[in-house]
Amino acid sequence: MKKMTYLLGFVFVLFLAGHTQAQINIPKNLTAPAAAGTEAPDADLNKELLSALDPGKSFTSPDKYMKLLGKNKDLVGNVLGVMNGSGSEEDKLAKVGALNSEHKDFVEQLLGKGKAADYYKLIKGKLEPLYKKFALAKLFM
């Protein structure tokens, strides 16, 4: 009976894995040519993401703040580079997940777990309005 329960559970998990779909649709081309006098979507996305990831100068000490800003700039550039690169959607999402994990480790090491949790609450509120404008913004949480 116990073996049968495990077998049915395993079959159910395989069924679910085969029928789930990705929650994030990645745009085919993130860099459209800029019209005269306007910026490319990548530049706009880059600016808005960096602004959303900025906790403000009063959040932490100036030294830590500058390190965090530098690492955020690296993260945004690396994620946009991965998403504009070649490869399957699954490979891109895996690479972005690894980048986000590395960034999370850096933030927790820099700020401490408690302050890092406050930081993530703060930026989540700033990133949510970007979800409608840029589907790619969901990758930063």
C-alpha atoms as a PDB file:
ATOM      1  CA  MET A   1       0.000   0.000   0.000  1.00  0.00           C
ATOM      2  CA  LYS A   2       2.827   2.380   0.890  1.00  0.00           C
ATOM      3  CA  LYS A   3       4.626   1.643  -2.396  1.00  0.00           C
ATOM      4  CA  MET A   4       1.432   2.295  -4.327  1.00  0.00           C
ATOM      5  CA  THR A   5       1.001   5.684  -2.601  1.00  0.00           C
ATOM      6  CA  TYR A   6       4.557   6.673  -3.485  1.00  0.00           C
ATOM      7  CA  LEU A   7       4.070   5.524  -7.062  1.00  0.00           C
ATOM      8  CA  LEU A   8       0.859   7.527  -7.460  1.00  0.00           C
ATOM      9  CA  GLY A   9       2.513  10.568  -5.907  1.00  0.00           C
ATOM     10  CA  PHE A  10       5.446  10.270  -8.273  1.00  0.00           C
ATOM     11  CA  VAL A  11       3.136   9.940 -11.294  1.00  0.00           C
ATOM     12  CA  PHE A  12       1.174  12.991 -10.124  1.00  0.00           C
ATOM     13  CA  VAL A  13       4.341  15.061  -9.805  1.00  0.00           C
ATOM     14  CA  LEU A  14       5.442  14.005 -13.302  1.00  0.00           C
ATOM     15  CA  PHE A  15       2.014  14.958 -14.617  1.00  0.00           C
ATOM     16  CA  LEU A  16       2.237  18.405 -13.042  1.00  0.00           C
ATOM     17  CA  ALA A  17       5.784  18.939 -14.275  1.00  0.00           C
ATOM     18  CA  GLY A  18       4.735  18.104 -17.812  1.00  0.00           C
ATOM     19  CA  HIS A  19       1.767  20.457 -17.815  1.00  0.00           C
ATOM     20  CA  THR A  20       3.109  23.550 -16.090  1.00  0.00           C
ATOM     21  CA  GLN A  21       4.042  26.598 -18.092  1.00  0.00           C
ATOM     22  CA  ALA A  22       6.519  29.342 -17.386  1.00  0.00           C
ATOM     23  CA  GLN A  23       5.072  32.300 -15.520  1.00  0.00           C
ATOM     24  CA  ILE A  24       7.254  34.856 -17.259  1.00  0.00           C
ATOM     25  CA  ASN A  25       7.154  35.533 -20.964  1.00  0.00           C
ATOM     26  CA  ILE A  26      10.486  36.821 -22.151  1.00  0.00           C
ATOM     27  CA  PRO A  27      10.283  39.376 -24.937  1.00  0.00           C
ATOM     28  CA  LYS A  28      11.945  38.187 -28.123  1.00  0.00           C
ATOM     29  CA  ASN A  29      13.904  41.391 -28.622  1.00  0.00           C
ATOM     30  CA  LEU A  30      14.696  43.714 -25.769  1.00  0.00           C
ATOM     31  CA  THR A  31      16.593  46.207 -27.881  1.00  0.00           C
ATOM     32  CA  ALA A  32      14.493  47.956 -30.477  1.00  0.00           C
ATOM     33  CA  PRO A  33      16.120  50.672 -32.544  1.00  0.00           C
ATOM     34  CA  ALA A  34      15.608  54.077 -30.988  1.00  0.00           C
ATOM     35  CA  ALA A  35      13.466  56.561 -32.837  1.00  0.00           C
ATOM     36  CA  ALA A  36      14.869  60.017 -33.376  1.00  0.00           C
ATOM     37  CA  GLY A  37      15.057  61.820 -30.047  1.00  0.00           C
ATOM     38  CA  THR A  38      14.000  58.841 -27.914  1.00  0.00           C
ATOM     39  CA  GLU A  39      15.940  56.280 -25.940  1.00  0.00           C
ATOM     40  CA  ALA A  40      16.021  52.575 -26.637  1.00  0.00           C
ATOM     41  CA  PRO A  41      13.836  50.404 -24.377  1.00  0.00           C
ATOM     42  CA  ASP A  42      16.976  48.827 -22.866  1.00  0.00           C
ATOM     43  CA  ALA A  43      18.229  52.199 -21.669  1.00  0.00           C
ATOM     44  CA  ASP A  44      14.826  53.082 -20.222  1.00  0.00           C
ATOM     45  CA  LEU A  45      14.517  49.692 -18.564  1.00  0.00           C
ATOM     46  CA  ASN A  46      18.057  49.967 -17.210  1.00  0.00           C
ATOM     47  CA  LYS A  47      17.366  53.380 -15.644  1.00  0.00           C
ATOM     48  CA  GLU A  48      14.062  52.377 -14.101  1.00  0.00           C
ATOM     49  CA  LEU A  49      15.393  49.108 -12.677  1.00  0.00           C
ATOM     50  CA  LEU A  50      18.410  50.830 -11.142  1.00  0.00           C
ATOM     51  CA  SER A  51      16.101  53.444  -9.653  1.00  0.00           C
ATOM     52  CA  ALA A  52      13.831  50.740  -8.203  1.00  0.00           C
ATOM     53  CA  LEU A  53      16.788  48.820  -6.736  1.00  0.00           C
ATOM     54  CA  ASP A  54      18.128  51.982  -5.050  1.00  0.00           C
ATOM     55  CA  PRO A  55      17.147  51.976  -1.342  1.00  0.00           C
ATOM     56  CA  GLY A  56      18.093  55.617  -0.775  1.00  0.00           C
ATOM     57  CA  LYS A  57      21.130  57.161   0.873  1.00  0.00           C
ATOM     58  CA  SER A  58      19.652  57.064   4.366  1.00  0.00           C
ATOM     59  CA  PHE A  59      19.088  53.291   4.266  1.00  0.00           C
ATOM     60  CA  THR A  60      22.650  52.352   5.245  1.00  0.00           C
ATOM     61  CA  SER A  61      26.129  53.799   5.616  1.00  0.00           C
ATOM     62  CA  PRO A  62      27.599  55.651   2.599  1.00  0.00           C
ATOM     63  CA  ASP A  63      30.261  52.960   2.070  1.00  0.00           C
ATOM     64  CA  LYS A  64      27.735  50.113   1.997  1.00  0.00           C
ATOM     65  CA  TYR A  65      25.364  52.202  -0.087  1.00  0.00           C
ATOM     66  CA  MET A  66      27.992  52.739  -2.791  1.00  0.00           C
ATOM     67  CA  LYS A  67      28.889  49.025  -2.826  1.00  0.00           C
ATOM     68  CA  LEU A  68      25.208  48.143  -3.145  1.00  0.00           C
ATOM     69  CA  LEU A  69      24.688  50.580  -6.014  1.00  0.00           C
ATOM     70  CA  GLY A  70      27.694  49.145  -7.851  1.00  0.00           C
ATOM     71  CA  LYS A  71      26.491  45.588  -7.398  1.00  0.00           C
ATOM     72  CA  ASN A  72      22.958  46.552  -8.497  1.00  0.00           C
ATOM     73  CA  LYS A  73      24.385  48.115 -11.671  1.00  0.00           C
ATOM     74  CA  ASP A  74      26.328  44.903 -12.349  1.00  0.00           C
ATOM     75  CA  LEU A  75      23.209  42.793 -11.737  1.00  0.00           C
ATOM     76  CA  VAL A  76      21.033  44.799 -14.129  1.00  0.00           C
ATOM     77  CA  GLY A  77      23.718  44.777 -16.820  1.00  0.00           C
ATOM     78  CA  ASN A  78      24.333  41.047 -16.445  1.00  0.00           C
ATOM     79  CA  VAL A  79      20.618  40.168 -16.514  1.00  0.00           C
ATOM     80  CA  LEU A  80      19.998  42.291 -19.591  1.00  0.00           C
ATOM     81  CA  GLY A  81      23.057  40.715 -21.213  1.00  0.00           C
ATOM     82  CA  VAL A  82      21.748  37.223 -20.524  1.00  0.00           C
ATOM     83  CA  MET A  83      18.265  38.054 -21.772  1.00  0.00           C
ATOM     84  CA  ASN A  84      19.606  39.624 -24.979  1.00  0.00           C
ATOM     85  CA  GLY A  85      21.971  36.697 -25.526  1.00  0.00           C
ATOM     86  CA  SER A  86      21.395  33.461 -27.320  1.00  0.00           C
ATOM     87  CA  GLY A  87      20.086  30.293 -25.769  1.00  0.00           C
ATOM     88  CA  SER A  88      16.793  28.781 -24.773  1.00  0.00           C
ATOM     89  CA  GLU A  89      14.345  30.497 -22.463  1.00  0.00           C
ATOM     90  CA  GLU A  90      14.989  27.891 -19.758  1.00  0.00           C
ATOM     91  CA  ASP A  91      18.759  28.451 -19.936  1.00  0.00           C
ATOM     92  CA  LYS A  92      18.299  32.201 -19.688  1.00  0.00           C
ATOM     93  CA  LEU A  93      15.984  31.886 -16.676  1.00  0.00           C
ATOM     94  CA  ALA A  94      18.457  29.538 -14.980  1.00  0.00           C
ATOM     95  CA  LYS A  95      21.319  32.002 -15.524  1.00  0.00           C
ATOM     96  CA  VAL A  96      19.211  34.883 -14.208  1.00  0.00           C
ATOM     97  CA  GLY A  97      18.246  32.797 -11.181  1.00  0.00           C
ATOM     98  CA  ALA A  98      21.917  32.182 -10.464  1.00  0.00           C
ATOM     99  CA  LEU A  99      22.676  35.895 -10.805  1.00  0.00           C
ATOM    100  CA  ASN A 100      19.836  36.774  -8.432  1.00  0.00           C
ATOM    101  CA  SER A 101      21.048  34.177  -5.935  1.00  0.00           C
ATOM    102  CA  GLU A 102      24.575  35.616  -6.024  1.00  0.00           C
ATOM    103  CA  HIS A 103      23.157  39.113  -5.568  1.00  0.00           C
ATOM    104  CA  LYS A 104      21.016  38.006  -2.634  1.00  0.00           C
ATOM    105  CA  ASP A 105      24.061  36.445  -0.957  1.00  0.00           C
ATOM    106  CA  PHE A 106      26.017  39.664  -1.492  1.00  0.00           C
ATOM    107  CA  VAL A 107      23.228  41.830  -0.052  1.00  0.00           C
ATOM    108  CA  GLU A 108      22.824  39.586   3.001  1.00  0.00           C
ATOM    109  CA  GLN A 109      26.563  39.599   3.599  1.00  0.00           C
ATOM    110  CA  LEU A 110      26.811  43.373   3.135  1.00  0.00           C
ATOM    111  CA  LEU A 111      23.753  44.437   5.132  1.00  0.00           C
ATOM    112  CA  GLY A 112      23.049  41.491   7.417  1.00  0.00           C
ATOM    113  CA  LYS A 113      19.925  39.304   7.199  1.00  0.00           C
ATOM    114  CA  GLY A 114      17.577  41.697   9.009  1.00  0.00           C
ATOM    115  CA  LYS A 115      18.546  44.775   7.026  1.00  0.00           C
ATOM    116  CA  ALA A 116      18.564  42.720   3.801  1.00  0.00           C
ATOM    117  CA  ALA A 117      14.961  41.676   4.469  1.00  0.00           C
ATOM    118  CA  ASP A 118      14.038  45.348   4.890  1.00  0.00           C
ATOM    119  CA  TYR A 119      15.839  46.135   1.636  1.00  0.00           C
ATOM    120  CA  TYR A 120      13.909  43.458  -0.264  1.00  0.00           C
ATOM    121  CA  LYS A 121      10.576  44.719   1.116  1.00  0.00           C
ATOM    122  CA  LEU A 122      11.494  48.234   0.007  1.00  0.00           C
ATOM    123  CA  ILE A 123      12.521  47.304  -3.523  1.00  0.00           C
ATOM    124  CA  LYS A 124       9.557  44.957  -3.973  1.00  0.00           C
ATOM    125  CA  GLY A 125       7.275  47.949  -3.543  1.00  0.00           C
ATOM    126  CA  LYS A 126       9.297  49.878  -6.097  1.00  0.00           C
ATOM    127  CA  LEU A 127       9.460  47.018  -8.622  1.00  0.00           C
ATOM    128  CA  GLU A 128       5.750  46.131  -8.620  1.00  0.00           C
ATOM    129  CA  PRO A 129       4.707  49.165 -10.719  1.00  0.00           C
ATOM    130  CA  LEU A 130       7.320  48.165 -13.303  1.00  0.00           C
ATOM    131  CA  TYR A 131       5.796  44.690 -13.792  1.00  0.00           C
ATOM    132  CA  LYS A 132       3.110  46.062 -16.133  1.00  0.00           C
ATOM    133  CA  LYS A 133       5.508  48.278 -18.054  1.00  0.00           C
ATOM    134  CA  PHE A 134       8.363  45.761 -18.326  1.00  0.00           C
ATOM    135  CA  ALA A 135       7.640  42.037 -18.025  1.00  0.00           C
ATOM    136  CA  LEU A 136      11.354  41.542 -17.427  1.00  0.00           C
ATOM    137  CA  ALA A 137      11.141  43.407 -14.098  1.00  0.00           C
ATOM    138  CA  LYS A 138       9.708  40.248 -12.498  1.00  0.00           C
ATOM    139  CA  LEU A 139      13.106  38.604 -12.838  1.00  0.00           C
ATOM    140  CA  PHE A 140      14.608  40.916 -10.220  1.00  0.00           C
ATOM    141  CA  MET A 141      12.597  39.524  -7.314  1.00  0.00           C
END
